[in-house]
Amino acid sequence: MNIEQVREYCLDKPHTEETFPFDQNTLVFKVAGKMFALAPLDKWEQGLASLNLKADPDYSLELRAEYESIEPGWHMSKKHWNSIYIYKGELQPKFIMALIDHSYNMVVKGMTKKMRVLLGLKQLI
């Protein structure tokens, strides 16, 4: 999976925007202003493709135990975020997309019911 495929997949989700809130190298995808994916573009350019994705804490532990390419989130809450090292080649694109979906859904799930209804996202959870 390349960065353009990740970008297109993320932006295809309802109410998603891409931003650079930290610096010009860290592409951040947000749903209704809340982060669900971060991509360090300088690492992608170096052939070290990775993403930081939100995950349920129990699911995070399972993923980290099963995959060498999934570690606690770099510069993120280790409980709620994982770093997904795509460049290692262990993870298939469909699985990476499923992890992106999980991250997006975790953020939507954390919104108030009123906010989900207002955005038309209630059916996603």
PDB file of N, CA and C in Angstrom:
ATOM      1  N   MET A   1       0.845  -1.177   0.000  1.00  0.00           N
ATOM      2  CA  MET A   1       0.000   0.000   0.000  1.00  0.00           C
ATOM      3  C   MET A   1       0.893   1.243   0.000  1.00  0.00           C
ATOM      4  N   ASN A   2       0.610   2.169  -0.883  1.00  0.00           N
ATOM      5  CA  ASN A   2       1.401   3.399  -0.897  1.00  0.00           C
ATOM      6  C   ASN A   2       0.616   4.530  -0.229  1.00  0.00           C
ATOM      7  N   ILE A   3       1.270   5.643  -0.053  1.00  0.00           N
ATOM      8  CA  ILE A   3       0.657   6.748   0.696  1.00  0.00           C
ATOM      9  C   ILE A   3      -0.583   7.300  -0.015  1.00  0.00           C
ATOM     10  N   GLU A   4      -0.595   7.299  -1.327  1.00  0.00           N
ATOM     11  CA  GLU A   4      -1.770   7.791  -2.047  1.00  0.00           C
ATOM     12  C   GLU A   4      -2.966   6.871  -1.833  1.00  0.00           C
ATOM     13  N   GLN A   5      -2.735   5.564  -1.781  1.00  0.00           N
ATOM     14  CA  GLN A   5      -3.821   4.621  -1.510  1.00  0.00           C
ATOM     15  C   GLN A   5      -4.360   4.834  -0.093  1.00  0.00           C
ATOM     16  N   VAL A   6      -3.461   5.026   0.864  1.00  0.00           N
ATOM     17  CA  VAL A   6      -3.880   5.295   2.245  1.00  0.00           C
ATOM     18  C   VAL A   6      -4.672   6.592   2.288  1.00  0.00           C
ATOM     19  N   ARG A   7      -4.166   7.605   1.642  1.00  0.00           N
ATOM     20  CA  ARG A   7      -4.820   8.914   1.624  1.00  0.00           C
ATOM     21  C   ARG A   7      -6.217   8.820   1.034  1.00  0.00           C
ATOM     22  N   GLU A   8      -6.347   8.191  -0.120  1.00  0.00           N
ATOM     23  CA  GLU A   8      -7.648   8.048  -0.761  1.00  0.00           C
ATOM     24  C   GLU A   8      -8.612   7.254   0.120  1.00  0.00           C
ATOM     25  N   TYR A   9      -8.118   6.192   0.737  1.00  0.00           N
ATOM     26  CA  TYR A   9      -8.968   5.365   1.584  1.00  0.00           C
ATOM     27  C   TYR A   9      -9.486   6.165   2.785  1.00  0.00           C
ATOM     28  N   CYS A  10      -8.600   6.897   3.417  1.00  0.00           N
ATOM     29  CA  CYS A  10      -8.996   7.703   4.574  1.00  0.00           C
ATOM     30  C   CYS A  10      -9.974   8.806   4.179  1.00  0.00           C
ATOM     31  N   LEU A  11      -9.681   9.504   3.103  1.00  0.00           N
ATOM     32  CA  LEU A  11     -10.521  10.623   2.689  1.00  0.00           C
ATOM     33  C   LEU A  11     -11.890  10.187   2.169  1.00  0.00           C
ATOM     34  N   ASP A  12     -12.032   8.916   1.843  1.00  0.00           N
ATOM     35  CA  ASP A  12     -13.309   8.389   1.369  1.00  0.00           C
ATOM     36  C   ASP A  12     -14.310   8.209   2.516  1.00  0.00           C
ATOM     37  N   LYS A  13     -13.824   8.298   3.740  1.00  0.00           N
ATOM     38  CA  LYS A  13     -14.691   8.122   4.908  1.00  0.00           C
ATOM     39  C   LYS A  13     -15.457   9.427   5.178  1.00  0.00           C
ATOM     40  N   PRO A  14     -16.707   9.302   5.631  1.00  0.00           N
ATOM     41  CA  PRO A  14     -17.523  10.506   5.871  1.00  0.00           C
ATOM     42  C   PRO A  14     -16.888  11.491   6.854  1.00  0.00           C
ATOM     43  N   HIS A  15     -16.977  12.751   6.509  1.00  0.00           N
ATOM     44  CA  HIS A  15     -16.535  13.870   7.361  1.00  0.00           C
ATOM     45  C   HIS A  15     -15.038  13.819   7.695  1.00  0.00           C
ATOM     46  N   THR A  16     -14.249  13.270   6.791  1.00  0.00           N
ATOM     47  CA  THR A  16     -12.802  13.178   7.006  1.00  0.00           C
ATOM     48  C   THR A  16     -12.098  14.322   6.300  1.00  0.00           C
ATOM     49  N   GLU A  17     -11.073  14.840   6.973  1.00  0.00           N
ATOM     50  CA  GLU A  17     -10.233  15.870   6.387  1.00  0.00           C
ATOM     51  C   GLU A  17      -8.768  15.520   6.651  1.00  0.00           C
ATOM     52  N   GLU A  18      -7.885  16.023   5.802  1.00  0.00           N
ATOM     53  CA  GLU A  18      -6.460  15.848   6.031  1.00  0.00           C
ATOM     54  C   GLU A  18      -5.884  17.187   6.479  1.00  0.00           C
ATOM     55  N   THR A  19      -4.990  17.111   7.461  1.00  0.00           N
ATOM     56  CA  THR A  19      -4.398  18.328   8.009  1.00  0.00           C
ATOM     57  C   THR A  19      -2.922  18.082   8.301  1.00  0.00           C
ATOM     58  N   PHE A  20      -2.217  19.153   8.582  1.00  0.00           N
ATOM     59  CA  PHE A  20      -0.822  19.116   9.020  1.00  0.00           C
ATOM     60  C   PHE A  20      -0.710  19.958  10.295  1.00  0.00           C
ATOM     61  N   PRO A  21      -1.322  19.517  11.404  1.00  0.00           N
ATOM     62  CA  PRO A  21      -1.349  20.349  12.606  1.00  0.00           C
ATOM     63  C   PRO A  21      -0.029  20.435  13.360  1.00  0.00           C
ATOM     64  N   PHE A  22       0.872  19.486  13.138  1.00  0.00           N
ATOM     65  CA  PHE A  22       2.116  19.441  13.914  1.00  0.00           C
ATOM     66  C   PHE A  22       3.308  20.011  13.146  1.00  0.00           C
ATOM     67  N   ASP A  23       3.438  19.603  11.905  1.00  0.00           N
ATOM     68  CA  ASP A  23       4.531  20.056  11.043  1.00  0.00           C
ATOM     69  C   ASP A  23       4.187  19.666   9.609  1.00  0.00           C
ATOM     70  N   GLN A  24       5.054  20.014   8.660  1.00  0.00           N
ATOM     71  CA  GLN A  24       4.773  19.736   7.253  1.00  0.00           C
ATOM     72  C   GLN A  24       5.019  18.281   6.870  1.00  0.00           C
ATOM     73  N   ASN A  25       5.536  17.469   7.789  1.00  0.00           N
ATOM     74  CA  ASN A  25       5.828  16.067   7.494  1.00  0.00           C
ATOM     75  C   ASN A  25       4.813  15.085   8.058  1.00  0.00           C
ATOM     76  N   THR A  26       3.958  15.528   8.959  1.00  0.00           N
ATOM     77  CA  THR A  26       3.025  14.607   9.601  1.00  0.00           C
ATOM     78  C   THR A  26       1.608  14.857   9.091  1.00  0.00           C
ATOM     79  N   LEU A  27       1.174  13.990   8.170  1.00  0.00           N
ATOM     80  CA  LEU A  27      -0.160  14.064   7.614  1.00  0.00           C
ATOM     81  C   LEU A  27      -1.130  13.423   8.601  1.00  0.00           C
ATOM     82  N   VAL A  28      -2.160  14.177   8.986  1.00  0.00           N
ATOM     83  CA  VAL A  28      -3.121  13.718   9.976  1.00  0.00           C
ATOM     84  C   VAL A  28      -4.508  13.692   9.348  1.00  0.00           C
ATOM     85  N   PHE A  29      -5.191  12.562   9.536  1.00  0.00           N
ATOM     86  CA  PHE A  29      -6.570  12.423   9.081  1.00  0.00           C
ATOM     87  C   PHE A  29      -7.477  12.529  10.290  1.00  0.00           C
ATOM     88  N   LYS A  30      -8.522  13.358  10.144  1.00  0.00           N
ATOM     89  CA  LYS A  30      -9.452  13.602  11.239  1.00  0.00           C
ATOM     90  C   LYS A  30     -10.879  13.369  10.765  1.00  0.00           C
ATOM     91  N   VAL A  31     -11.702  12.877  11.673  1.00  0.00           N
ATOM     92  CA  VAL A  31     -13.139  12.801  11.444  1.00  0.00           C
ATOM     93  C   VAL A  31     -13.768  13.792  12.405  1.00  0.00           C
ATOM     94  N   ALA A  32     -14.474  14.763  11.842  1.00  0.00           N
ATOM     95  CA  ALA A  32     -15.110  15.807  12.639  1.00  0.00           C
ATOM     96  C   ALA A  32     -14.138  16.420  13.642  1.00  0.00           C
ATOM     97  N   GLY A  33     -12.907  16.674  13.197  1.00  0.00           N
ATOM     98  CA  GLY A  33     -11.911  17.335  14.021  1.00  0.00           C
ATOM     99  C   GLY A  33     -11.133  16.446  14.970  1.00  0.00           C
ATOM    100  N   LYS A  34     -11.399  15.144  14.978  1.00  0.00           N
ATOM    101  CA  LYS A  34     -10.710  14.206  15.884  1.00  0.00           C
ATOM    102  C   LYS A  34      -9.793  13.293  15.070  1.00  0.00           C
ATOM    103  N   MET A  35      -8.551  13.162  15.508  1.00  0.00           N
ATOM    104  CA  MET A  35      -7.558  12.352  14.787  1.00  0.00           C
ATOM    105  C   MET A  35      -7.903  10.865  14.814  1.00  0.00           C
ATOM    106  N   PHE A  36      -7.722  10.217  13.649  1.00  0.00           N
ATOM    107  CA  PHE A  36      -7.820   8.765  13.616  1.00  0.00           C
ATOM    108  C   PHE A  36      -6.653   8.108  12.889  1.00  0.00           C
ATOM    109  N   ALA A  37      -5.844   8.884  12.177  1.00  0.00           N
ATOM    110  CA  ALA A  37      -4.672   8.320  11.502  1.00  0.00           C
ATOM    111  C   ALA A  37      -3.619   9.402  11.310  1.00  0.00           C
ATOM    112  N   LEU A  38      -2.353   9.004  11.505  1.00  0.00           N
ATOM    113  CA  LEU A  38      -1.220   9.898  11.282  1.00  0.00           C
ATOM    114  C   LEU A  38      -0.200   9.177  10.414  1.00  0.00           C
ATOM    115  N   ALA A  39       0.343   9.895   9.447  1.00  0.00           N
ATOM    116  CA  ALA A  39       1.343   9.325   8.549  1.00  0.00           C
ATOM    117  C   ALA A  39       2.563  10.243   8.502  1.00  0.00           C
ATOM    118  N   PRO A  40       3.721   9.764   8.968  1.00  0.00           N
ATOM    119  CA  PRO A  40       4.945  10.568   8.878  1.00  0.00           C
ATOM    120  C   PRO A  40       5.500  10.515   7.443  1.00  0.00           C
ATOM    121  N   LEU A  41       5.223  11.541   6.662  1.00  0.00           N
ATOM    122  CA  LEU A  41       5.563  11.524   5.241  1.00  0.00           C
ATOM    123  C   LEU A  41       7.059  11.392   4.982  1.00  0.00           C
ATOM    124  N   ASP A  42       7.895  11.963   5.855  1.00  0.00           N
ATOM    125  CA  ASP A  42       9.338  11.833   5.653  1.00  0.00           C
ATOM    126  C   ASP A  42       9.772  10.372   5.729  1.00  0.00           C
ATOM    127  N   LYS A  43       9.129   9.596   6.584  1.00  0.00           N
ATOM    128  CA  LYS A  43       9.446   8.160   6.684  1.00  0.00           C
ATOM    129  C   LYS A  43       8.994   7.418   5.436  1.00  0.00           C
ATOM    130  N   TRP A  44       7.827   7.783   4.900  1.00  0.00           N
ATOM    131  CA  TRP A  44       7.341   7.159   3.667  1.00  0.00           C
ATOM    132  C   TRP A  44       8.332   7.419   2.535  1.00  0.00           C
ATOM    133  N   GLU A  45       8.845   8.654   2.463  1.00  0.00           N
ATOM    134  CA  GLU A  45       9.811   9.004   1.417  1.00  0.00           C
ATOM    135  C   GLU A  45      11.104   8.215   1.547  1.00  0.00           C
ATOM    136  N   GLN A  46      11.441   7.808   2.765  1.00  0.00           N
ATOM    137  CA  GLN A  46      12.655   7.030   3.029  1.00  0.00           C
ATOM    138  C   GLN A  46      12.426   5.521   2.865  1.00  0.00           C
ATOM    139  N   GLY A  47      11.211   5.121   2.473  1.00  0.00           N
ATOM    140  CA  GLY A  47      10.896   3.701   2.337  1.00  0.00           C
ATOM    141  C   GLY A  47      10.529   3.047   3.653  1.00  0.00           C
ATOM    142  N   LEU A  48      10.210   3.840   4.675  1.00  0.00           N
ATOM    143  CA  LEU A  48       9.865   3.330   6.005  1.00  0.00           C
ATOM    144  C   LEU A  48       8.397   3.642   6.327  1.00  0.00           C
ATOM    145  N   ALA A  49       7.510   3.239   5.418  1.00  0.00           N
ATOM    146  CA  ALA A  49       6.089   3.559   5.529  1.00  0.00           C
ATOM    147  C   ALA A  49       5.493   3.060   6.836  1.00  0.00           C
ATOM    148  N   SER A  50       4.789   3.976   7.514  1.00  0.00           N
ATOM    149  CA  SER A  50       4.110   3.604   8.752  1.00  0.00           C
ATOM    150  C   SER A  50       2.906   4.515   8.967  1.00  0.00           C
ATOM    151  N   LEU A  51       2.019   4.058   9.844  1.00  0.00           N
ATOM    152  CA  LEU A  51       0.844   4.825  10.247  1.00  0.00           C
ATOM    153  C   LEU A  51       0.675   4.694  11.747  1.00  0.00           C
ATOM    154  N   ASN A  52       0.151   5.713  12.374  1.00  0.00           N
ATOM    155  CA  ASN A  52      -0.316   5.608  13.751  1.00  0.00           C
ATOM    156  C   ASN A  52      -1.827   5.569  13.683  1.00  0.00           C
ATOM    157  N   LEU A  53      -2.412   4.531  14.306  1.00  0.00           N
ATOM    158  CA  LEU A  53      -3.852   4.341  14.281  1.00  0.00           C
ATOM    159  C   LEU A  53      -4.381   4.083  15.681  1.00  0.00           C
ATOM    160  N   LYS A  54      -5.545   4.597  15.944  1.00  0.00           N
ATOM    161  CA  LYS A  54      -6.204   4.388  17.227  1.00  0.00           C
ATOM    162  C   LYS A  54      -6.764   2.966  17.272  1.00  0.00           C
ATOM    163  N   ALA A  55      -6.812   2.385  18.484  1.00  0.00           N
ATOM    164  CA  ALA A  55      -7.378   1.036  18.622  1.00  0.00           C
ATOM    165  C   ALA A  55      -7.889   0.821  20.037  1.00  0.00           C
ATOM    166  N   ASP A  56      -8.853  -0.051  20.145  1.00  0.00           N
ATOM    167  CA  ASP A  56      -9.326  -0.481  21.441  1.00  0.00           C
ATOM    168  C   ASP A  56      -8.135  -1.048  22.218  1.00  0.00           C
ATOM    169  N   PRO A  57      -7.973  -0.706  23.492  1.00  0.00           N
ATOM    170  CA  PRO A  57      -6.807  -1.158  24.253  1.00  0.00           C
ATOM    171  C   PRO A  57      -6.604  -2.678  24.267  1.00  0.00           C
ATOM    172  N   ASP A  58      -7.673  -3.446  24.417  1.00  0.00           N
ATOM    173  CA  ASP A  58      -7.530  -4.905  24.413  1.00  0.00           C
ATOM    174  C   ASP A  58      -7.136  -5.420  23.034  1.00  0.00           C
ATOM    175  N   TYR A  59      -7.733  -4.858  22.006  1.00  0.00           N
ATOM    176  CA  TYR A  59      -7.393  -5.238  20.634  1.00  0.00           C
ATOM    177  C   TYR A  59      -5.945  -4.869  20.328  1.00  0.00           C
ATOM    178  N   SER A  60      -5.499  -3.728  20.831  1.00  0.00           N
ATOM    179  CA  SER A  60      -4.100  -3.321  20.642  1.00  0.00           C
ATOM    180  C   SER A  60      -3.143  -4.379  21.163  1.00  0.00           C
ATOM    181  N   LEU A  61      -3.417  -4.879  22.358  1.00  0.00           N
ATOM    182  CA  LEU A  61      -2.550  -5.909  22.949  1.00  0.00           C
ATOM    183  C   LEU A  61      -2.533  -7.167  22.095  1.00  0.00           C
ATOM    184  N   GLU A  62      -3.702  -7.573  21.590  1.00  0.00           N
ATOM    185  CA  GLU A  62      -3.774  -8.742  20.714  1.00  0.00           C
ATOM    186  C   GLU A  62      -2.947  -8.532  19.443  1.00  0.00           C
ATOM    187  N   LEU A  63      -3.119  -7.366  18.832  1.00  0.00           N
ATOM    188  CA  LEU A  63      -2.389  -7.070  17.594  1.00  0.00           C
ATOM    189  C   LEU A  63      -0.882  -7.080  17.820  1.00  0.00           C
ATOM    190  N   ARG A  64      -0.444  -6.461  18.897  1.00  0.00           N
ATOM    191  CA  ARG A  64       0.991  -6.379  19.192  1.00  0.00           C
ATOM    192  C   ARG A  64       1.581  -7.755  19.462  1.00  0.00           C
ATOM    193  N   ALA A  65       0.796  -8.630  20.069  1.00  0.00           N
ATOM    194  CA  ALA A  65       1.278  -9.986  20.353  1.00  0.00           C
ATOM    195  C   ALA A  65       1.366 -10.827  19.079  1.00  0.00           C
ATOM    196  N   GLU A  66       0.489 -10.555  18.130  1.00  0.00           N
ATOM    197  CA  GLU A  66       0.421 -11.375  16.917  1.00  0.00           C
ATOM    198  C   GLU A  66       1.321 -10.892  15.783  1.00  0.00           C
ATOM    199  N   TYR A  67       1.554  -9.584  15.690  1.00  0.00           N
ATOM    200  CA  TYR A  67       2.284  -9.025  14.552  1.00  0.00           C
ATOM    201  C   TYR A  67       3.514  -8.244  15.000  1.00  0.00           C
ATOM    202  N   GLU A  68       4.645  -8.567  14.405  1.00  0.00           N
ATOM    203  CA  GLU A  68       5.875  -7.820  14.684  1.00  0.00           C
ATOM    204  C   GLU A  68       5.793  -6.399  14.144  1.00  0.00           C
ATOM    205  N   SER A  69       4.949  -6.188  13.140  1.00  0.00           N
ATOM    206  CA  SER A  69       4.827  -4.892  12.482  1.00  0.00           C
ATOM    207  C   SER A  69       3.903  -3.923  13.216  1.00  0.00           C
ATOM    208  N   ILE A  70       3.356  -4.331  14.357  1.00  0.00           N
ATOM    209  CA  ILE A  70       2.461  -3.471  15.124  1.00  0.00           C
ATOM    210  C   ILE A  70       3.043  -3.307  16.522  1.00  0.00           C
ATOM    211  N   GLU A  71       3.318  -2.056  16.870  1.00  0.00           N
ATOM    212  CA  GLU A  71       3.936  -1.720  18.149  1.00  0.00           C
ATOM    213  C   GLU A  71       3.151  -0.587  18.821  1.00  0.00           C
ATOM    214  N   PRO A  72       3.410  -0.339  20.099  1.00  0.00           N
ATOM    215  CA  PRO A  72       2.754   0.804  20.760  1.00  0.00           C
ATOM    216  C   PRO A  72       3.021   2.094  19.979  1.00  0.00           C
ATOM    217  N   GLY A  73       2.034   2.966  19.934  1.00  0.00           N
ATOM    218  CA  GLY A  73       2.105   4.189  19.139  1.00  0.00           C
ATOM    219  C   GLY A  73       3.301   5.072  19.460  1.00  0.00           C
ATOM    220  N   TRP A  74       4.056   5.392  18.438  1.00  0.00           N
ATOM    221  CA  TRP A  74       5.216   6.270  18.569  1.00  0.00           C
ATOM    222  C   TRP A  74       4.728   7.685  18.843  1.00  0.00           C
ATOM    223  N   HIS A  75       5.171   8.283  19.927  1.00  0.00           N
ATOM    224  CA  HIS A  75       4.772   9.633  20.349  1.00  0.00           C
ATOM    225  C   HIS A  75       3.266   9.767  20.586  1.00  0.00           C
ATOM    226  N   MET A  76       2.622   8.670  20.946  1.00  0.00           N
ATOM    227  CA  MET A  76       1.182   8.673  21.181  1.00  0.00           C
ATOM    228  C   MET A  76       0.901   7.924  22.481  1.00  0.00           C
ATOM    229  N   SER A  77      -0.342   7.966  22.926  1.00  0.00           N
ATOM    230  CA  SER A  77      -0.745   7.169  24.079  1.00  0.00           C
ATOM    231  C   SER A  77      -0.547   5.690  23.734  1.00  0.00           C
ATOM    232  N   LYS A  78       0.292   5.008  24.484  1.00  0.00           N
ATOM    233  CA  LYS A  78       0.595   3.601  24.207  1.00  0.00           C
ATOM    234  C   LYS A  78      -0.625   2.706  24.426  1.00  0.00           C
ATOM    235  N   LYS A  79      -1.564   3.175  25.208  1.00  0.00           N
ATOM    236  CA  LYS A  79      -2.765   2.390  25.493  1.00  0.00           C
ATOM    237  C   LYS A  79      -3.750   2.435  24.324  1.00  0.00           C
ATOM    238  N   HIS A  80      -3.857   3.590  23.678  1.00  0.00           N
ATOM    239  CA  HIS A  80      -4.902   3.789  22.672  1.00  0.00           C
ATOM    240  C   HIS A  80      -4.418   3.876  21.228  1.00  0.00           C
ATOM    241  N   TRP A  81      -3.118   3.896  21.017  1.00  0.00           N
ATOM    242  CA  TRP A  81      -2.586   4.072  19.658  1.00  0.00           C
ATOM    243  C   TRP A  81      -1.528   3.013  19.343  1.00  0.00           C
ATOM    244  N   ASN A  82      -1.531   2.577  18.088  1.00  0.00           N
ATOM    245  CA  ASN A  82      -0.517   1.652  17.582  1.00  0.00           C
ATOM    246  C   ASN A  82       0.227   2.290  16.425  1.00  0.00           C
ATOM    247  N   SER A  83       1.494   1.953  16.302  1.00  0.00           N
ATOM    248  CA  SER A  83       2.257   2.271  15.101  1.00  0.00           C
ATOM    249  C   SER A  83       2.247   1.019  14.234  1.00  0.00           C
ATOM    250  N   ILE A  84       1.836   1.198  12.988  1.00  0.00           N
ATOM    251  CA  ILE A  84       1.717   0.110  12.028  1.00  0.00           C
ATOM    252  C   ILE A  84       2.857   0.294  11.024  1.00  0.00           C
ATOM    253  N   TYR A  85       3.814  -0.628  11.037  1.00  0.00           N
ATOM    254  CA  TYR A  85       4.983  -0.510  10.161  1.00  0.00           C
ATOM    255  C   TYR A  85       4.732  -1.268   8.864  1.00  0.00           C
ATOM    256  N   ILE A  86       4.186  -0.555   7.894  1.00  0.00           N
ATOM    257  CA  ILE A  86       3.796  -1.130   6.614  1.00  0.00           C
ATOM    258  C   ILE A  86       5.008  -1.619   5.833  1.00  0.00           C
ATOM    259  N   TYR A  87       6.111  -0.910   5.927  1.00  0.00           N
ATOM    260  CA  TYR A  87       7.297  -1.229   5.129  1.00  0.00           C
ATOM    261  C   TYR A  87       7.858  -2.621   5.425  1.00  0.00           C
ATOM    262  N   LYS A  88       7.525  -3.192   6.546  1.00  0.00           N
ATOM    263  CA  LYS A  88       8.042  -4.522   6.889  1.00  0.00           C
ATOM    264  C   LYS A  88       7.415  -5.621   6.031  1.00  0.00           C
ATOM    265  N   GLY A  89       6.292  -5.314   5.362  1.00  0.00           N
ATOM    266  CA  GLY A  89       5.686  -6.247   4.421  1.00  0.00           C
ATOM    267  C   GLY A  89       4.861  -7.365   5.036  1.00  0.00           C
ATOM    268  N   GLU A  90       4.699  -7.354   6.334  1.00  0.00           N
ATOM    269  CA  GLU A  90       3.961  -8.412   7.013  1.00  0.00           C
ATOM    270  C   GLU A  90       2.445  -8.275   6.839  1.00  0.00           C
ATOM    271  N   LEU A  91       1.958  -7.046   6.738  1.00  0.00           N
ATOM    272  CA  LEU A  91       0.525  -6.776   6.750  1.00  0.00           C
ATOM    273  C   LEU A  91      -0.004  -6.554   5.335  1.00  0.00           C
ATOM    274  N   GLN A  92      -1.080  -7.251   5.024  1.00  0.00           N
ATOM    275  CA  GLN A  92      -1.710  -7.131   3.711  1.00  0.00           C
ATOM    276  C   GLN A  92      -2.563  -5.866   3.638  1.00  0.00           C
ATOM    277  N   PRO A  93      -2.717  -5.288   2.441  1.00  0.00           N
ATOM    278  CA  PRO A  93      -3.504  -4.057   2.298  1.00  0.00           C
ATOM    279  C   PRO A  93      -4.913  -4.151   2.885  1.00  0.00           C
ATOM    280  N   LYS A  94      -5.613  -5.264   2.690  1.00  0.00           N
ATOM    281  CA  LYS A  94      -6.973  -5.391   3.235  1.00  0.00           C
ATOM    282  C   LYS A  94      -6.961  -5.302   4.760  1.00  0.00           C
ATOM    283  N   PHE A  95      -5.943  -5.874   5.379  1.00  0.00           N
ATOM    284  CA  PHE A  95      -5.844  -5.820   6.836  1.00  0.00           C
ATOM    285  C   PHE A  95      -5.522  -4.401   7.299  1.00  0.00           C
ATOM    286  N   ILE A  96      -4.651  -3.715   6.575  1.00  0.00           N
ATOM    287  CA  ILE A  96      -4.330  -2.315   6.898  1.00  0.00           C
ATOM    288  C   ILE A  96      -5.591  -1.462   6.792  1.00  0.00           C
ATOM    289  N   MET A  97      -6.392  -1.697   5.758  1.00  0.00           N
ATOM    290  CA  MET A  97      -7.644  -0.957   5.616  1.00  0.00           C
ATOM    291  C   MET A  97      -8.594  -1.275   6.770  1.00  0.00           C
ATOM    292  N   ALA A  98      -8.623  -2.517   7.212  1.00  0.00           N
ATOM    293  CA  ALA A  98      -9.466  -2.893   8.355  1.00  0.00           C
ATOM    294  C   ALA A  98      -8.997  -2.180   9.625  1.00  0.00           C
ATOM    295  N   LEU A  99      -7.679  -2.024   9.783  1.00  0.00           N
ATOM    296  CA  LEU A  99      -7.150  -1.291  10.940  1.00  0.00           C
ATOM    297  C   LEU A  99      -7.511   0.190  10.868  1.00  0.00           C
ATOM    298  N   ILE A 100      -7.483   0.756   9.671  1.00  0.00           N
ATOM    299  CA  ILE A 100      -7.902   2.148   9.478  1.00  0.00           C
ATOM    300  C   ILE A 100      -9.392   2.282   9.828  1.00  0.00           C
ATOM    301  N   ASP A 101     -10.199   1.326   9.351  1.00  0.00           N
ATOM    302  CA  ASP A 101     -11.635   1.336   9.668  1.00  0.00           C
ATOM    303  C   ASP A 101     -11.859   1.287  11.176  1.00  0.00           C
ATOM    304  N   HIS A 102     -11.117   0.414  11.844  1.00  0.00           N
ATOM    305  CA  HIS A 102     -11.255   0.279  13.297  1.00  0.00           C
ATOM    306  C   HIS A 102     -10.917   1.603  13.990  1.00  0.00           C
ATOM    307  N   SER A 103      -9.851   2.237  13.556  1.00  0.00           N
ATOM    308  CA  SER A 103      -9.440   3.510  14.140  1.00  0.00           C
ATOM    309  C   SER A 103     -10.523   4.572  13.935  1.00  0.00           C
ATOM    310  N   TYR A 104     -11.002   4.689  12.719  1.00  0.00           N
ATOM    311  CA  TYR A 104     -12.064   5.648  12.403  1.00  0.00           C
ATOM    312  C   TYR A 104     -13.288   5.377  13.281  1.00  0.00           C
ATOM    313  N   ASN A 105     -13.688   4.112  13.367  1.00  0.00           N
ATOM    314  CA  ASN A 105     -14.869   3.752  14.151  1.00  0.00           C
ATOM    315  C   ASN A 105     -14.673   4.007  15.638  1.00  0.00           C
ATOM    316  N   MET A 106     -13.454   3.827  16.145  1.00  0.00           N
ATOM    317  CA  MET A 106     -13.181   4.129  17.548  1.00  0.00           C
ATOM    318  C   MET A 106     -13.411   5.618  17.833  1.00  0.00           C
ATOM    319  N   VAL A 107     -12.977   6.463  16.913  1.00  0.00           N
ATOM    320  CA  VAL A 107     -13.152   7.905  17.095  1.00  0.00           C
ATOM    321  C   VAL A 107     -14.628   8.276  17.018  1.00  0.00           C
ATOM    322  N   VAL A 108     -15.329   7.728  16.035  1.00  0.00           N
ATOM    323  CA  VAL A 108     -16.759   8.004  15.906  1.00  0.00           C
ATOM    324  C   VAL A 108     -17.499   7.509  17.146  1.00  0.00           C
ATOM    325  N   LYS A 109     -17.147   6.340  17.626  1.00  0.00           N
ATOM    326  CA  LYS A 109     -17.784   5.768  18.810  1.00  0.00           C
ATOM    327  C   LYS A 109     -17.594   6.674  20.033  1.00  0.00           C
ATOM    328  N   GLY A 110     -16.482   7.379  20.091  1.00  0.00           N
ATOM    329  CA  GLY A 110     -16.194   8.261  21.209  1.00  0.00           C
ATOM    330  C   GLY A 110     -16.939   9.586  21.169  1.00  0.00           C
ATOM    331  N   MET A 111     -17.591   9.874  20.052  1.00  0.00           N
ATOM    332  CA  MET A 111     -18.371  11.112  19.938  1.00  0.00           C
ATOM    333  C   MET A 111     -19.684  10.960  20.697  1.00  0.00           C
ATOM    334  N   THR A 112     -20.273  12.080  21.036  1.00  0.00           N
ATOM    335  CA  THR A 112     -21.582  12.029  21.660  1.00  0.00           C
ATOM    336  C   THR A 112     -22.605  11.519  20.650  1.00  0.00           C
ATOM    337  N   LYS A 113     -23.670  10.950  21.157  1.00  0.00           N
ATOM    338  CA  LYS A 113     -24.738  10.469  20.280  1.00  0.00           C
ATOM    339  C   LYS A 113     -25.279  11.629  19.438  1.00  0.00           C
ATOM    340  N   LYS A 114     -25.427  12.774  20.070  1.00  0.00           N
ATOM    341  CA  LYS A 114     -25.923  13.955  19.366  1.00  0.00           C
ATOM    342  C   LYS A 114     -25.018  14.316  18.186  1.00  0.00           C
ATOM    343  N   MET A 115     -23.694  14.275  18.409  1.00  0.00           N
ATOM    344  CA  MET A 115     -22.736  14.595  17.348  1.00  0.00           C
ATOM    345  C   MET A 115     -22.820  13.563  16.214  1.00  0.00           C
ATOM    346  N   ARG A 116     -22.905  12.279  16.567  1.00  0.00           N
ATOM    347  CA  ARG A 116     -23.007  11.233  15.534  1.00  0.00           C
ATOM    348  C   ARG A 116     -24.272  11.420  14.702  1.00  0.00           C
ATOM    349  N   VAL A 117     -25.380  11.732  15.361  1.00  0.00           N
ATOM    350  CA  VAL A 117     -26.645  11.945  14.649  1.00  0.00           C
ATOM    351  C   VAL A 117     -26.538  13.181  13.761  1.00  0.00           C
ATOM    352  N   LEU A 118     -25.978  14.258  14.294  1.00  0.00           N
ATOM    353  CA  LEU A 118     -25.811  15.498  13.545  1.00  0.00           C
ATOM    354  C   LEU A 118     -24.989  15.273  12.277  1.00  0.00           C
ATOM    355  N   LEU A 119     -23.959  14.447  12.375  1.00  0.00           N
ATOM    356  CA  LEU A 119     -23.082  14.167  11.237  1.00  0.00           C
ATOM    357  C   LEU A 119     -23.579  13.030  10.366  1.00  0.00           C
ATOM    358  N   GLY A 120     -24.641  12.370  10.810  1.00  0.00           N
ATOM    359  CA  GLY A 120     -25.149  11.242  10.044  1.00  0.00           C
ATOM    360  C   GLY A 120     -24.269  10.015  10.165  1.00  0.00           C
ATOM    361  N   LEU A 121     -23.559   9.903  11.291  1.00  0.00           N
ATOM    362  CA  LEU A 121     -22.614   8.801  11.491  1.00  0.00           C
ATOM    363  C   LEU A 121     -23.158   7.737  12.440  1.00  0.00           C
ATOM    364  N   LYS A 122     -24.355   7.893  12.909  1.00  0.00           N
ATOM    365  CA  LYS A 122     -24.914   6.968  13.894  1.00  0.00           C
ATOM    366  C   LYS A 122     -24.902   5.524  13.371  1.00  0.00           C
ATOM    367  N   GLN A 123     -25.148   5.320  12.095  1.00  0.00           N
ATOM    368  CA  GLN A 123     -25.233   3.982  11.546  1.00  0.00           C
ATOM    369  C   GLN A 123     -23.881   3.280  11.498  1.00  0.00           C
ATOM    370  N   LEU A 124     -22.788   3.979  11.701  1.00  0.00           N
ATOM    371  CA  LEU A 124     -21.460   3.365  11.623  1.00  0.00           C
ATOM    372  C   LEU A 124     -21.092   2.588  12.875  1.00  0.00           C
ATOM    373  N   ILE A 125     -21.790   2.787  13.960  1.00  0.00           N
ATOM    374  CA  ILE A 125     -21.431   2.120  15.217  1.00  0.00           C
ATOM    375  C   ILE A 125     -22.521   1.141  15.590  1.00  0.00           C
TER     376      ILE A 125
END
